[in-house]
PDB file of N, CA and C in Angstrom:
ATOM      1  N   MET A   1     222.751  50.528  71.162  1.00  0.00           N
ATOM      2  CA  MET A   1     222.616  49.303  70.403  1.00  0.00           C
ATOM      3  C   MET A   1     221.175  48.824  70.487  1.00  0.00           C
ATOM      4  N   ALA A   2     220.617  48.461  69.401  1.00  0.00           N
ATOM      5  CA  ALA A   2     219.228  48.007  69.361  1.00  0.00           C
ATOM      6  C   ALA A   2     219.120  46.570  69.867  1.00  0.00           C
ATOM      7  N   THR A   3     217.903  46.177  70.175  1.00  0.00           N
ATOM      8  CA  THR A   3     217.634  44.803  70.570  1.00  0.00           C
ATOM      9  C   THR A   3     217.951  43.879  69.396  1.00  0.00           C
ATOM     10  N   ILE A   4     218.652  42.794  69.674  1.00  0.00           N
ATOM     11  CA  ILE A   4     219.077  41.856  68.629  1.00  0.00           C
ATOM     12  C   ILE A   4     218.167  40.644  68.640  1.00  0.00           C
ATOM     13  N   ARG A   5     217.625  40.321  67.479  1.00  0.00           N
ATOM     14  CA  ARG A   5     216.774  39.144  67.329  1.00  0.00           C
ATOM     15  C   ARG A   5     217.679  37.932  67.113  1.00  0.00           C
ATOM     16  N   LEU A   6     217.503  36.902  67.954  1.00  0.00           N
ATOM     17  CA  LEU A   6     218.383  35.734  67.923  1.00  0.00           C
ATOM     18  C   LEU A   6     217.732  34.505  67.308  1.00  0.00           C
ATOM     19  N   THR A   7     218.509  33.805  66.485  1.00  0.00           N
ATOM     20  CA  THR A   7     218.181  32.447  66.075  1.00  0.00           C
ATOM     21  C   THR A   7     218.892  31.516  67.055  1.00  0.00           C
ATOM     22  N   LYS A   8     218.634  30.234  66.949  1.00  0.00           N
ATOM     23  CA  LYS A   8     219.305  29.275  67.833  1.00  0.00           C
ATOM     24  C   LYS A   8     220.819  29.368  67.661  1.00  0.00           C
ATOM     25  N   GLU A   9     221.284  29.463  66.422  1.00  0.00           N
ATOM     26  CA  GLU A   9     222.723  29.523  66.155  1.00  0.00           C
ATOM     27  C   GLU A   9     223.353  30.758  66.795  1.00  0.00           C
ATOM     28  N   GLN A  10     222.689  31.896  66.690  1.00  0.00           N
ATOM     29  CA  GLN A  10     223.202  33.122  67.298  1.00  0.00           C
ATOM     30  C   GLN A  10     223.141  33.037  68.824  1.00  0.00           C
ATOM     31  N   PHE A  11     222.086  32.415  69.332  1.00  0.00           N
ATOM     32  CA  PHE A  11     221.936  32.243  70.772  1.00  0.00           C
ATOM     33  C   PHE A  11     223.131  31.481  71.344  1.00  0.00           C
ATOM     34  N   VAL A  12     223.515  30.419  70.670  1.00  0.00           N
ATOM     35  CA  VAL A  12     224.634  29.591  71.126  1.00  0.00           C
ATOM     36  C   VAL A  12     225.930  30.395  71.152  1.00  0.00           C
ATOM     37  N   LYS A  13     226.127  31.285  70.218  1.00  0.00           N
ATOM     38  CA  LYS A  13     227.340  32.099  70.167  1.00  0.00           C
ATOM     39  C   LYS A  13     227.332  33.240  71.188  1.00  0.00           C
ATOM     40  N   ARG A  14     226.180  33.866  71.396  1.00  0.00           N
ATOM     41  CA  ARG A  14     226.119  35.081  72.214  1.00  0.00           C
ATOM     42  C   ARG A  14     225.691  34.863  73.662  1.00  0.00           C
ATOM     43  N   VAL A  15     224.892  33.803  73.901  1.00  0.00           N
ATOM     44  CA  VAL A  15     224.302  33.641  75.233  1.00  0.00           C
ATOM     45  C   VAL A  15     224.760  32.361  75.922  1.00  0.00           C
ATOM     46  N   SER A  16     224.494  31.215  75.322  1.00  0.00           N
ATOM     47  CA  SER A  16     224.819  29.955  75.987  1.00  0.00           C
ATOM     48  C   SER A  16     224.782  28.794  75.015  1.00  0.00           C
ATOM     49  N   LYS A  17     225.732  27.880  75.199  1.00  0.00           N
ATOM     50  CA  LYS A  17     225.639  26.614  74.492  1.00  0.00           C
ATOM     51  C   LYS A  17     224.539  25.825  75.194  1.00  0.00           C
ATOM     52  N   LEU A  18     223.707  25.177  74.450  1.00  0.00           N
ATOM     53  CA  LEU A  18     222.577  24.468  75.041  1.00  0.00           C
ATOM     54  C   LEU A  18     223.010  23.082  75.486  1.00  0.00           C
ATOM     55  N   GLY A  19     222.957  22.848  76.788  1.00  0.00           N
ATOM     56  CA  GLY A  19     223.254  21.525  77.321  1.00  0.00           C
ATOM     57  C   GLY A  19     222.027  20.647  77.212  1.00  0.00           C
ATOM     58  N   SER A  20     222.081  19.517  77.876  1.00  0.00           N
ATOM     59  CA  SER A  20     220.953  18.590  77.801  1.00  0.00           C
ATOM     60  C   SER A  20     219.741  19.088  78.585  1.00  0.00           C
ATOM     61  N   SER A  21     219.962  19.983  79.545  1.00  0.00           N
ATOM     62  CA  SER A  21     218.842  20.549  80.302  1.00  0.00           C
ATOM     63  C   SER A  21     219.217  21.948  80.776  1.00  0.00           C
ATOM     64  N   ILE A  22     218.235  22.661  81.284  1.00  0.00           N
ATOM     65  CA  ILE A  22     218.446  24.036  81.750  1.00  0.00           C
ATOM     66  C   ILE A  22     219.470  24.080  82.890  1.00  0.00           C
ATOM     67  N   SER A  23     219.613  23.001  83.637  1.00  0.00           N
ATOM     68  CA  SER A  23     220.600  22.983  84.727  1.00  0.00           C
ATOM     69  C   SER A  23     222.030  23.033  84.183  1.00  0.00           C
ATOM     70  N   ASP A  24     222.205  22.763  82.891  1.00  0.00           N
ATOM     71  CA  ASP A  24     223.519  22.834  82.245  1.00  0.00           C
ATOM     72  C   ASP A  24     223.817  24.225  81.682  1.00  0.00           C
ATOM     73  N   PHE A  25     222.919  25.187  81.889  1.00  0.00           N
ATOM     74  CA  PHE A  25     223.069  26.530  81.333  1.00  0.00           C
ATOM     75  C   PHE A  25     224.370  27.167  81.799  1.00  0.00           C
ATOM     76  N   LYS A  26     225.185  27.619  80.846  1.00  0.00           N
ATOM     77  CA  LYS A  26     226.420  28.343  81.132  1.00  0.00           C
ATOM     78  C   LYS A  26     226.443  29.585  80.247  1.00  0.00           C
ATOM     79  N   PHE A  27     226.364  30.725  80.878  1.00  0.00           N
ATOM     80  CA  PHE A  27     226.324  32.002  80.168  1.00  0.00           C
ATOM     81  C   PHE A  27     227.689  32.307  79.562  1.00  0.00           C
ATOM     82  N   VAL A  28     227.712  32.692  78.284  1.00  0.00           N
ATOM     83  CA  VAL A  28     228.963  33.015  77.595  1.00  0.00           C
ATOM     84  C   VAL A  28     229.068  34.505  77.248  1.00  0.00           C
ATOM     85  N   GLY A  29     228.080  35.285  77.633  1.00  0.00           N
ATOM     86  CA  GLY A  29     228.089  36.712  77.323  1.00  0.00           C
ATOM     87  C   GLY A  29     229.113  37.469  78.145  1.00  0.00           C
ATOM     88  N   ALA A  30     229.494  38.629  77.649  1.00  0.00           N
ATOM     89  CA  ALA A  30     230.465  39.477  78.335  1.00  0.00           C
ATOM     90  C   ALA A  30     229.805  40.455  79.305  1.00  0.00           C
ATOM     91  N   ARG A  31     228.498  40.710  79.110  1.00  0.00           N
ATOM     92  CA  ARG A  31     227.750  41.658  79.937  1.00  0.00           C
ATOM     93  C   ARG A  31     226.439  41.001  80.356  1.00  0.00           C
ATOM     94  N   PRO A  32     225.756  41.594  81.332  1.00  0.00           N
ATOM     95  CA  PRO A  32     224.413  41.106  81.656  1.00  0.00           C
ATOM     96  C   PRO A  32     223.528  41.148  80.414  1.00  0.00           C
ATOM     97  N   ALA A  33     222.473  40.348  80.433  1.00  0.00           N
ATOM     98  CA  ALA A  33     221.592  40.267  79.261  1.00  0.00           C
ATOM     99  C   ALA A  33     220.135  40.188  79.676  1.00  0.00           C
ATOM    100  N   VAL A  34     219.279  40.714  78.791  1.00  0.00           N
ATOM    101  CA  VAL A  34     217.830  40.576  78.908  1.00  0.00           C
ATOM    102  C   VAL A  34     217.371  39.892  77.628  1.00  0.00           C
ATOM    103  N   ILE A  35     216.620  38.810  77.777  1.00  0.00           N
ATOM    104  CA  ILE A  35     216.124  38.082  76.611  1.00  0.00           C
ATOM    105  C   ILE A  35     214.607  38.056  76.668  1.00  0.00           C
ATOM    106  N   ASP A  36     213.996  38.567  75.618  1.00  0.00           N
ATOM    107  CA  ASP A  36     212.538  38.649  75.501  1.00  0.00           C
ATOM    108  C   ASP A  36     212.056  37.521  74.583  1.00  0.00           C
ATOM    109  N   PHE A  37     211.347  36.552  75.156  1.00  0.00           N
ATOM    110  CA  PHE A  37     210.693  35.513  74.356  1.00  0.00           C
ATOM    111  C   PHE A  37     209.311  36.050  74.001  1.00  0.00           C
ATOM    112  N   TYR A  38     209.039  36.178  72.704  1.00  0.00           N
ATOM    113  CA  TYR A  38     207.857  36.894  72.235  1.00  0.00           C
ATOM    114  C   TYR A  38     207.296  36.239  70.973  1.00  0.00           C
ATOM    115  N   ALA A  39     206.155  36.768  70.517  1.00  0.00           N
ATOM    116  CA  ALA A  39     205.584  36.426  69.205  1.00  0.00           C
ATOM    117  C   ALA A  39     205.038  37.716  68.598  1.00  0.00           C
ATOM    118  N   ASP A  40     205.086  37.793  67.275  1.00  0.00           N
ATOM    119  CA  ASP A  40     204.621  38.996  66.587  1.00  0.00           C
ATOM    120  C   ASP A  40     203.135  39.278  66.830  1.00  0.00           C
ATOM    121  N   TRP A  41     202.333  38.238  67.014  1.00  0.00           N
ATOM    122  CA  TRP A  41     200.884  38.382  67.162  1.00  0.00           C
ATOM    123  C   TRP A  41     200.454  38.694  68.601  1.00  0.00           C
ATOM    124  N   CYS A  42     201.383  38.707  69.529  1.00  0.00           N
ATOM    125  CA  CYS A  42     201.092  38.837  70.965  1.00  0.00           C
ATOM    126  C   CYS A  42     200.986  40.308  71.372  1.00  0.00           C
ATOM    127  N   GLY A  43     199.808  40.733  71.816  1.00  0.00           N
ATOM    128  CA  GLY A  43     199.581  42.110  72.243  1.00  0.00           C
ATOM    129  C   GLY A  43     200.495  42.557  73.370  1.00  0.00           C
ATOM    130  N   PRO A  44     200.565  41.810  74.482  1.00  0.00           N
ATOM    131  CA  PRO A  44     201.470  42.218  75.558  1.00  0.00           C
ATOM    132  C   PRO A  44     202.940  42.265  75.121  1.00  0.00           C
ATOM    133  N   CYS A  45     203.338  41.362  74.206  1.00  0.00           N
ATOM    134  CA  CYS A  45     204.706  41.379  73.675  1.00  0.00           C
ATOM    135  C   CYS A  45     204.954  42.681  72.918  1.00  0.00           C
ATOM    136  N   ASN A  46     203.972  43.091  72.138  1.00  0.00           N
ATOM    137  CA  ASN A  46     204.097  44.332  71.377  1.00  0.00           C
ATOM    138  C   ASN A  46     204.129  45.557  72.283  1.00  0.00           C
ATOM    139  N   MET A  47     203.558  45.444  73.471  1.00  0.00           N
ATOM    140  CA  MET A  47     203.617  46.533  74.434  1.00  0.00           C
ATOM    141  C   MET A  47     205.027  46.667  75.025  1.00  0.00           C
ATOM    142  N   VAL A  48     205.682  45.539  75.256  1.00  0.00           N
ATOM    143  CA  VAL A  48     207.010  45.525  75.871  1.00  0.00           C
ATOM    144  C   VAL A  48     208.105  45.933  74.873  1.00  0.00           C
ATOM    145  N   ALA A  49     207.917  45.636  73.599  1.00  0.00           N
ATOM    146  CA  ALA A  49     208.954  45.845  72.582  1.00  0.00           C
ATOM    147  C   ALA A  49     209.535  47.268  72.563  1.00  0.00           C
ATOM    148  N   PRO A  50     208.709  48.325  72.587  1.00  0.00           N
ATOM    149  CA  PRO A  50     209.301  49.676  72.575  1.00  0.00           C
ATOM    150  C   PRO A  50     210.112  49.980  73.832  1.00  0.00           C
ATOM    151  N   PHE A  51     209.718  49.410  74.955  1.00  0.00           N
ATOM    152  CA  PHE A  51     210.478  49.607  76.198  1.00  0.00           C
ATOM    153  C   PHE A  51     211.852  48.960  76.073  1.00  0.00           C
ATOM    154  N   MET A  52     211.882  47.764  75.487  1.00  0.00           N
ATOM    155  CA  MET A  52     213.151  47.064  75.279  1.00  0.00           C
ATOM    156  C   MET A  52     214.068  47.902  74.378  1.00  0.00           C
ATOM    157  N   GLU A  53     213.505  48.446  73.310  1.00  0.00           N
ATOM    158  CA  GLU A  53     214.306  49.257  72.388  1.00  0.00           C
ATOM    159  C   GLU A  53     214.859  50.497  73.084  1.00  0.00           C
ATOM    160  N   ASP A  54     213.998  51.208  73.814  1.00  0.00           N
ATOM    161  CA  ASP A  54     214.434  52.400  74.559  1.00  0.00           C
ATOM    162  C   ASP A  54     215.566  52.072  75.524  1.00  0.00           C
ATOM    163  N   LEU A  55     215.352  51.028  76.304  1.00  0.00           N
ATOM    164  CA  LEU A  55     216.323  50.683  77.333  1.00  0.00           C
ATOM    165  C   LEU A  55     217.608  50.118  76.746  1.00  0.00           C
ATOM    166  N   SER A  56     217.524  49.504  75.572  1.00  0.00           N
ATOM    167  CA  SER A  56     218.745  49.007  74.925  1.00  0.00           C
ATOM    168  C   SER A  56     219.658  50.173  74.566  1.00  0.00           C
ATOM    169  N   LYS A  57     219.080  51.306  74.237  1.00  0.00           N
ATOM    170  CA  LYS A  57     219.880  52.504  73.950  1.00  0.00           C
ATOM    171  C   LYS A  57     220.404  53.134  75.241  1.00  0.00           C
ATOM    172  N   GLU A  58     219.552  53.171  76.251  1.00  0.00           N
ATOM    173  CA  GLU A  58     219.947  53.762  77.532  1.00  0.00           C
ATOM    174  C   GLU A  58     221.073  52.970  78.204  1.00  0.00           C
ATOM    175  N   TYR A  59     221.041  51.643  78.066  1.00  0.00           N
ATOM    176  CA  TYR A  59     222.037  50.787  78.706  1.00  0.00           C
ATOM    177  C   TYR A  59     223.041  50.224  77.702  1.00  0.00           C
ATOM    178  N   ASP A  60     223.244  50.943  76.596  1.00  0.00           N
ATOM    179  CA  ASP A  60     224.200  50.539  75.573  1.00  0.00           C
ATOM    180  C   ASP A  60     225.575  50.316  76.198  1.00  0.00           C
ATOM    181  N   GLU A  61     226.209  49.215  75.823  1.00  0.00           N
ATOM    182  CA  GLU A  61     227.536  48.839  76.322  1.00  0.00           C
ATOM    183  C   GLU A  61     227.530  48.380  77.784  1.00  0.00           C
ATOM    184  N   LYS A  62     226.356  48.323  78.424  1.00  0.00           N
ATOM    185  CA  LYS A  62     226.268  47.844  79.805  1.00  0.00           C
ATOM    186  C   LYS A  62     225.470  46.553  79.904  1.00  0.00           C
ATOM    187  N   VAL A  63     224.419  46.438  79.064  1.00  0.00           N
ATOM    188  CA  VAL A  63     223.525  45.275  79.066  1.00  0.00           C
ATOM    189  C   VAL A  63     223.207  44.926  77.621  1.00  0.00           C
ATOM    190  N   ASP A  64     223.195  43.633  77.311  1.00  0.00           N
ATOM    191  CA  ASP A  64     222.799  43.179  75.975  1.00  0.00           C
ATOM    192  C   ASP A  64     221.313  42.837  75.988  1.00  0.00           C
ATOM    193  N   PHE A  65     220.611  43.252  74.942  1.00  0.00           N
ATOM    194  CA  PHE A  65     219.174  43.026  74.820  1.00  0.00           C
ATOM    195  C   PHE A  65     218.910  42.144  73.608  1.00  0.00           C
ATOM    196  N   TYR A  66     218.191  41.040  73.850  1.00  0.00           N
ATOM    197  CA  TYR A  66     217.900  40.070  72.796  1.00  0.00           C
ATOM    198  C   TYR A  66     216.417  39.749  72.755  1.00  0.00           C
ATOM    199  N   LYS A  67     215.975  39.281  71.568  1.00  0.00           N
ATOM    200  CA  LYS A  67     214.598  38.817  71.380  1.00  0.00           C
ATOM    201  C   LYS A  67     214.656  37.440  70.735  1.00  0.00           C
ATOM    202  N   VAL A  68     213.756  36.555  71.172  1.00  0.00           N
ATOM    203  CA  VAL A  68     213.629  35.232  70.572  1.00  0.00           C
ATOM    204  C   VAL A  68     212.163  35.034  70.211  1.00  0.00           C
ATOM    205  N   ASN A  69     211.902  34.828  68.927  1.00  0.00           N
ATOM    206  CA  ASN A  69     210.543  34.596  68.447  1.00  0.00           C
ATOM    207  C   ASN A  69     210.174  33.139  68.736  1.00  0.00           C
ATOM    208  N   VAL A  70     209.184  32.928  69.601  1.00  0.00           N
ATOM    209  CA  VAL A  70     208.824  31.568  70.021  1.00  0.00           C
ATOM    210  C   VAL A  70     208.222  30.742  68.886  1.00  0.00           C
ATOM    211  N   ASP A  71     207.626  31.400  67.898  1.00  0.00           N
ATOM    212  CA  ASP A  71     207.058  30.670  66.763  1.00  0.00           C
ATOM    213  C   ASP A  71     208.140  30.147  65.821  1.00  0.00           C
ATOM    214  N   GLU A  72     209.277  30.810  65.802  1.00  0.00           N
ATOM    215  CA  GLU A  72     210.367  30.419  64.904  1.00  0.00           C
ATOM    216  C   GLU A  72     211.449  29.610  65.595  1.00  0.00           C
ATOM    217  N   GLU A  73     211.585  29.762  66.892  1.00  0.00           N
ATOM    218  CA  GLU A  73     212.654  29.094  67.641  1.00  0.00           C
ATOM    219  C   GLU A  73     212.055  28.183  68.716  1.00  0.00           C
ATOM    220  N   ASN A  74     211.369  27.148  68.252  1.00  0.00           N
ATOM    221  CA  ASN A  74     210.692  26.221  69.166  1.00  0.00           C
ATOM    222  C   ASN A  74     211.649  25.525  70.131  1.00  0.00           C
ATOM    223  N   GLU A  75     212.828  25.180  69.648  1.00  0.00           N
ATOM    224  CA  GLU A  75     213.783  24.462  70.495  1.00  0.00           C
ATOM    225  C   GLU A  75     214.240  25.326  71.670  1.00  0.00           C
ATOM    226  N   LEU A  76     214.520  26.604  71.415  1.00  0.00           N
ATOM    227  CA  LEU A  76     214.914  27.504  72.508  1.00  0.00           C
ATOM    228  C   LEU A  76     213.776  27.688  73.497  1.00  0.00           C
ATOM    229  N   SER A  77     212.573  27.840  72.978  1.00  0.00           N
ATOM    230  CA  SER A  77     211.403  28.006  73.854  1.00  0.00           C
ATOM    231  C   SER A  77     211.217  26.789  74.744  1.00  0.00           C
ATOM    232  N   ALA A  78     211.342  25.608  74.164  1.00  0.00           N
ATOM    233  CA  ALA A  78     211.191  24.371  74.934  1.00  0.00           C
ATOM    234  C   ALA A  78     212.308  24.232  75.966  1.00  0.00           C
ATOM    235  N   TYR A  79     213.530  24.542  75.585  1.00  0.00           N
ATOM    236  CA  TYR A  79     214.674  24.429  76.480  1.00  0.00           C
ATOM    237  C   TYR A  79     214.466  25.243  77.752  1.00  0.00           C
ATOM    238  N   PHE A  80     213.923  26.456  77.596  1.00  0.00           N
ATOM    239  CA  PHE A  80     213.701  27.330  78.751  1.00  0.00           C
ATOM    240  C   PHE A  80     212.316  27.161  79.366  1.00  0.00           C
ATOM    241  N   GLY A  81     211.524  26.230  78.845  1.00  0.00           N
ATOM    242  CA  GLY A  81     210.202  25.970  79.416  1.00  0.00           C
ATOM    243  C   GLY A  81     209.255  27.143  79.255  1.00  0.00           C
ATOM    244  N   ILE A  82     209.347  27.838  78.145  1.00  0.00           N
ATOM    245  CA  ILE A  82     208.483  28.999  77.908  1.00  0.00           C
ATOM    246  C   ILE A  82     207.085  28.501  77.578  1.00  0.00           C
ATOM    247  N   ARG A  83     206.118  28.842  78.415  1.00  0.00           N
ATOM    248  CA  ARG A  83     204.732  28.426  78.232  1.00  0.00           C
ATOM    249  C   ARG A  83     203.809  29.612  77.980  1.00  0.00           C
ATOM    250  N   SER A  84     204.232  30.798  78.411  1.00  0.00           N
ATOM    251  CA  SER A  84     203.455  32.030  78.237  1.00  0.00           C
ATOM    252  C   SER A  84     204.387  33.121  77.751  1.00  0.00           C
ATOM    253  N   ILE A  85     203.831  34.030  76.979  1.00  0.00           N
ATOM    254  CA  ILE A  85     204.633  35.139  76.483  1.00  0.00           C
ATOM    255  C   ILE A  85     203.920  36.455  76.771  1.00  0.00           C
ATOM    256  N   PRO A  86     204.676  37.514  76.930  1.00  0.00           N
ATOM    257  CA  PRO A  86     206.126  37.534  76.913  1.00  0.00           C
ATOM    258  C   PRO A  86     206.718  36.912  78.180  1.00  0.00           C
ATOM    259  N   THR A  87     207.858  36.269  78.017  1.00  0.00           N
ATOM    260  CA  THR A  87     208.678  35.835  79.139  1.00  0.00           C
ATOM    261  C   THR A  87     210.023  36.483  78.966  1.00  0.00           C
ATOM    262  N   LEU A  88     210.478  37.144  79.998  1.00  0.00           N
ATOM    263  CA  LEU A  88     211.764  37.839  79.979  1.00  0.00           C
ATOM    264  C   LEU A  88     212.740  37.111  80.887  1.00  0.00           C
ATOM    265  N   LEU A  89     213.920  36.815  80.338  1.00  0.00           N
ATOM    266  CA  LEU A  89     215.006  36.249  81.138  1.00  0.00           C
ATOM    267  C   LEU A  89     215.986  37.369  81.436  1.00  0.00           C
ATOM    268  N   PHE A  90     216.416  37.441  82.673  1.00  0.00           N
ATOM    269  CA  PHE A  90     217.401  38.419  83.117  1.00  0.00           C
ATOM    270  C   PHE A  90     218.624  37.639  83.577  1.00  0.00           C
ATOM    271  N   ILE A  91     219.778  37.905  82.948  1.00  0.00           N
ATOM    272  CA  ILE A  91     220.983  37.140  83.238  1.00  0.00           C
ATOM    273  C   ILE A  91     222.079  38.097  83.683  1.00  0.00           C
ATOM    274  N   THR A  92     222.635  37.844  84.861  1.00  0.00           N
ATOM    275  CA  THR A  92     223.735  38.663  85.368  1.00  0.00           C
ATOM    276  C   THR A  92     225.016  38.297  84.627  1.00  0.00           C
ATOM    277  N   ALA A  93     226.041  39.126  84.771  1.00  0.00           N
ATOM    278  CA  ALA A  93     227.317  38.870  84.095  1.00  0.00           C
ATOM    279  C   ALA A  93     227.935  37.548  84.528  1.00  0.00           C
ATOM    280  N   ASP A  94     227.635  37.114  85.755  1.00  0.00           N
ATOM    281  CA  ASP A  94     228.182  35.828  86.205  1.00  0.00           C
ATOM    282  C   ASP A  94     227.241  34.652  85.931  1.00  0.00           C
ATOM    283  N   GLY A  95     226.172  34.897  85.163  1.00  0.00           N
ATOM    284  CA  GLY A  95     225.332  33.800  84.689  1.00  0.00           C
ATOM    285  C   GLY A  95     224.135  33.425  85.537  1.00  0.00           C
ATOM    286  N   LYS A  96     223.852  34.187  86.580  1.00  0.00           N
ATOM    287  CA  LYS A  96     222.643  33.902  87.368  1.00  0.00           C
ATOM    288  C   LYS A  96     221.435  34.395  86.586  1.00  0.00           C
ATOM    289  N   MET A  97     220.409  33.553  86.541  1.00  0.00           N
ATOM    290  CA  MET A  97     219.250  33.851  85.705  1.00  0.00           C
ATOM    291  C   MET A  97     217.987  33.954  86.551  1.00  0.00           C
ATOM    292  N   SER A  98     217.161  34.944  86.197  1.00  0.00           N
ATOM    293  CA  SER A  98     215.816  35.043  86.755  1.00  0.00           C
ATOM    294  C   SER A  98     214.866  35.271  85.595  1.00  0.00           C
ATOM    295  N   ARG A  99     213.580  35.103  85.844  1.00  0.00           N
ATOM    296  CA  ARG A  99     212.617  35.274  84.757  1.00  0.00           C
ATOM    297  C   ARG A  99     211.377  35.967  85.253  1.00  0.00           C
ATOM    298  N   HIS A 100     210.701  36.595  84.303  1.00  0.00           N
ATOM    299  CA  HIS A 100     209.413  37.221  84.567  1.00  0.00           C
ATOM    300  C   HIS A 100     208.493  36.883  83.406  1.00  0.00           C
ATOM    301  N   THR A 101     207.323  36.391  83.730  1.00  0.00           N
ATOM    302  CA  THR A 101     206.326  36.093  82.704  1.00  0.00           C
ATOM    303  C   THR A 101     205.245  37.156  82.756  1.00  0.00           C
ATOM    304  N   GLY A 102     204.919  37.688  81.581  1.00  0.00           N
ATOM    305  CA  GLY A 102     203.922  38.743  81.478  1.00  0.00           C
ATOM    306  C   GLY A 102     204.579  40.075  81.160  1.00  0.00           C
ATOM    307  N   ALA A 103     203.767  41.000  80.708  1.00  0.00           N
ATOM    308  CA  ALA A 103     204.272  42.310  80.307  1.00  0.00           C
ATOM    309  C   ALA A 103     204.720  43.117  81.523  1.00  0.00           C
ATOM    310  N   LEU A 104     205.769  43.882  81.333  1.00  0.00           N
ATOM    311  CA  LEU A 104     206.246  44.819  82.340  1.00  0.00           C
ATOM    312  C   LEU A 104     206.134  46.233  81.788  1.00  0.00           C
ATOM    313  N   LEU A 105     205.796  47.166  82.646  1.00  0.00           N
ATOM    314  CA  LEU A 105     205.848  48.571  82.264  1.00  0.00           C
ATOM    315  C   LEU A 105     207.316  48.989  82.171  1.00  0.00           C
ATOM    316  N   ARG A 106     207.576  50.100  81.513  1.00  0.00           N
ATOM    317  CA  ARG A 106     208.950  50.542  81.290  1.00  0.00           C
ATOM    318  C   ARG A 106     209.727  50.653  82.602  1.00  0.00           C
ATOM    319  N   GLU A 107     209.154  51.283  83.605  1.00  0.00           N
ATOM    320  CA  GLU A 107     209.859  51.465  84.883  1.00  0.00           C
ATOM    321  C   GLU A 107     210.098  50.134  85.588  1.00  0.00           C
ATOM    322  N   GLN A 108     209.156  49.209  85.479  1.00  0.00           N
ATOM    323  CA  GLN A 108     209.357  47.884  86.069  1.00  0.00           C
ATOM    324  C   GLN A 108     210.514  47.165  85.380  1.00  0.00           C
ATOM    325  N   LEU A 109     210.552  47.251  84.064  1.00  0.00           N
ATOM    326  CA  LEU A 109     211.626  46.633  83.298  1.00  0.00           C
ATOM    327  C   LEU A 109     212.966  47.277  83.664  1.00  0.00           C
ATOM    328  N   LYS A 110     212.964  48.589  83.767  1.00  0.00           N
ATOM    329  CA  LYS A 110     214.191  49.304  84.127  1.00  0.00           C
ATOM    330  C   LYS A 110     214.675  48.877  85.516  1.00  0.00           C
ATOM    331  N   ASN A 111     213.769  48.709  86.464  1.00  0.00           N
ATOM    332  CA  ASN A 111     214.149  48.268  87.808  1.00  0.00           C
ATOM    333  C   ASN A 111     214.776  46.875  87.778  1.00  0.00           C
ATOM    334  N   GLU A 112     214.247  45.993  86.944  1.00  0.00           N
ATOM    335  CA  GLU A 112     214.837  44.644  86.816  1.00  0.00           C
ATOM    336  C   GLU A 112     216.234  44.720  86.200  1.00  0.00           C
ATOM    337  N   ILE A 113     216.408  45.613  85.252  1.00  0.00           N
ATOM    338  CA  ILE A 113     217.713  45.776  84.615  1.00  0.00           C
ATOM    339  C   ILE A 113     218.736  46.327  85.619  1.00  0.00           C
ATOM    340  N   LYS A 114     218.320  47.249  86.439  1.00  0.00           N
ATOM    341  CA  LYS A 114     219.225  47.809  87.466  1.00  0.00           C
ATOM    342  C   LYS A 114     219.746  46.718  88.392  1.00  0.00           C
ATOM    343  N   LYS A 115     218.940  45.712  88.657  1.00  0.00           N
ATOM    344  CA  LYS A 115     219.357  44.611  89.519  1.00  0.00           C
ATOM    345  C   LYS A 115     220.493  43.786  88.888  1.00  0.00           C
ATOM    346  N   LEU A 116     220.593  43.847  87.567  1.00  0.00           N
ATOM    347  CA  LEU A 116     221.641  43.091  86.869  1.00  0.00           C
ATOM    348  C   LEU A 116     223.016  43.743  87.008  1.00  0.00           C
ATOM    349  N   LEU A 117     223.016  45.029  87.281  1.00  0.00           N
ATOM    350  CA  LEU A 117     224.285  45.785  87.276  1.00  0.00           C
ATOM    351  C   LEU A 117     224.958  45.834  88.644  1.00  0.00           C
TER     352      LEU A 117
END
């Protein structure tokens, strides 16, 4: 399965209903998830994108991979306090979230994904 680009409406259905603050975050996904907050003009974001695509195929049916364009989805970016891109959110099946700001190499990204399983 390829990385899915999310709008706010899709985010609410697939990942979480947005509460009044991040402390209200409740994961609604069925599997662990990786969410890439990115912009089309961002060099480091463009470096991470092929790794996300590769790993989405490798971990098909085990982990969901999503992308959120920060230029188009300002509300989601603000909700998660995204100040630098790329920022990757890693969410376990039980809803525990961690984040990494900055580009990751493929093996680094893969190691973070392994921690979700």
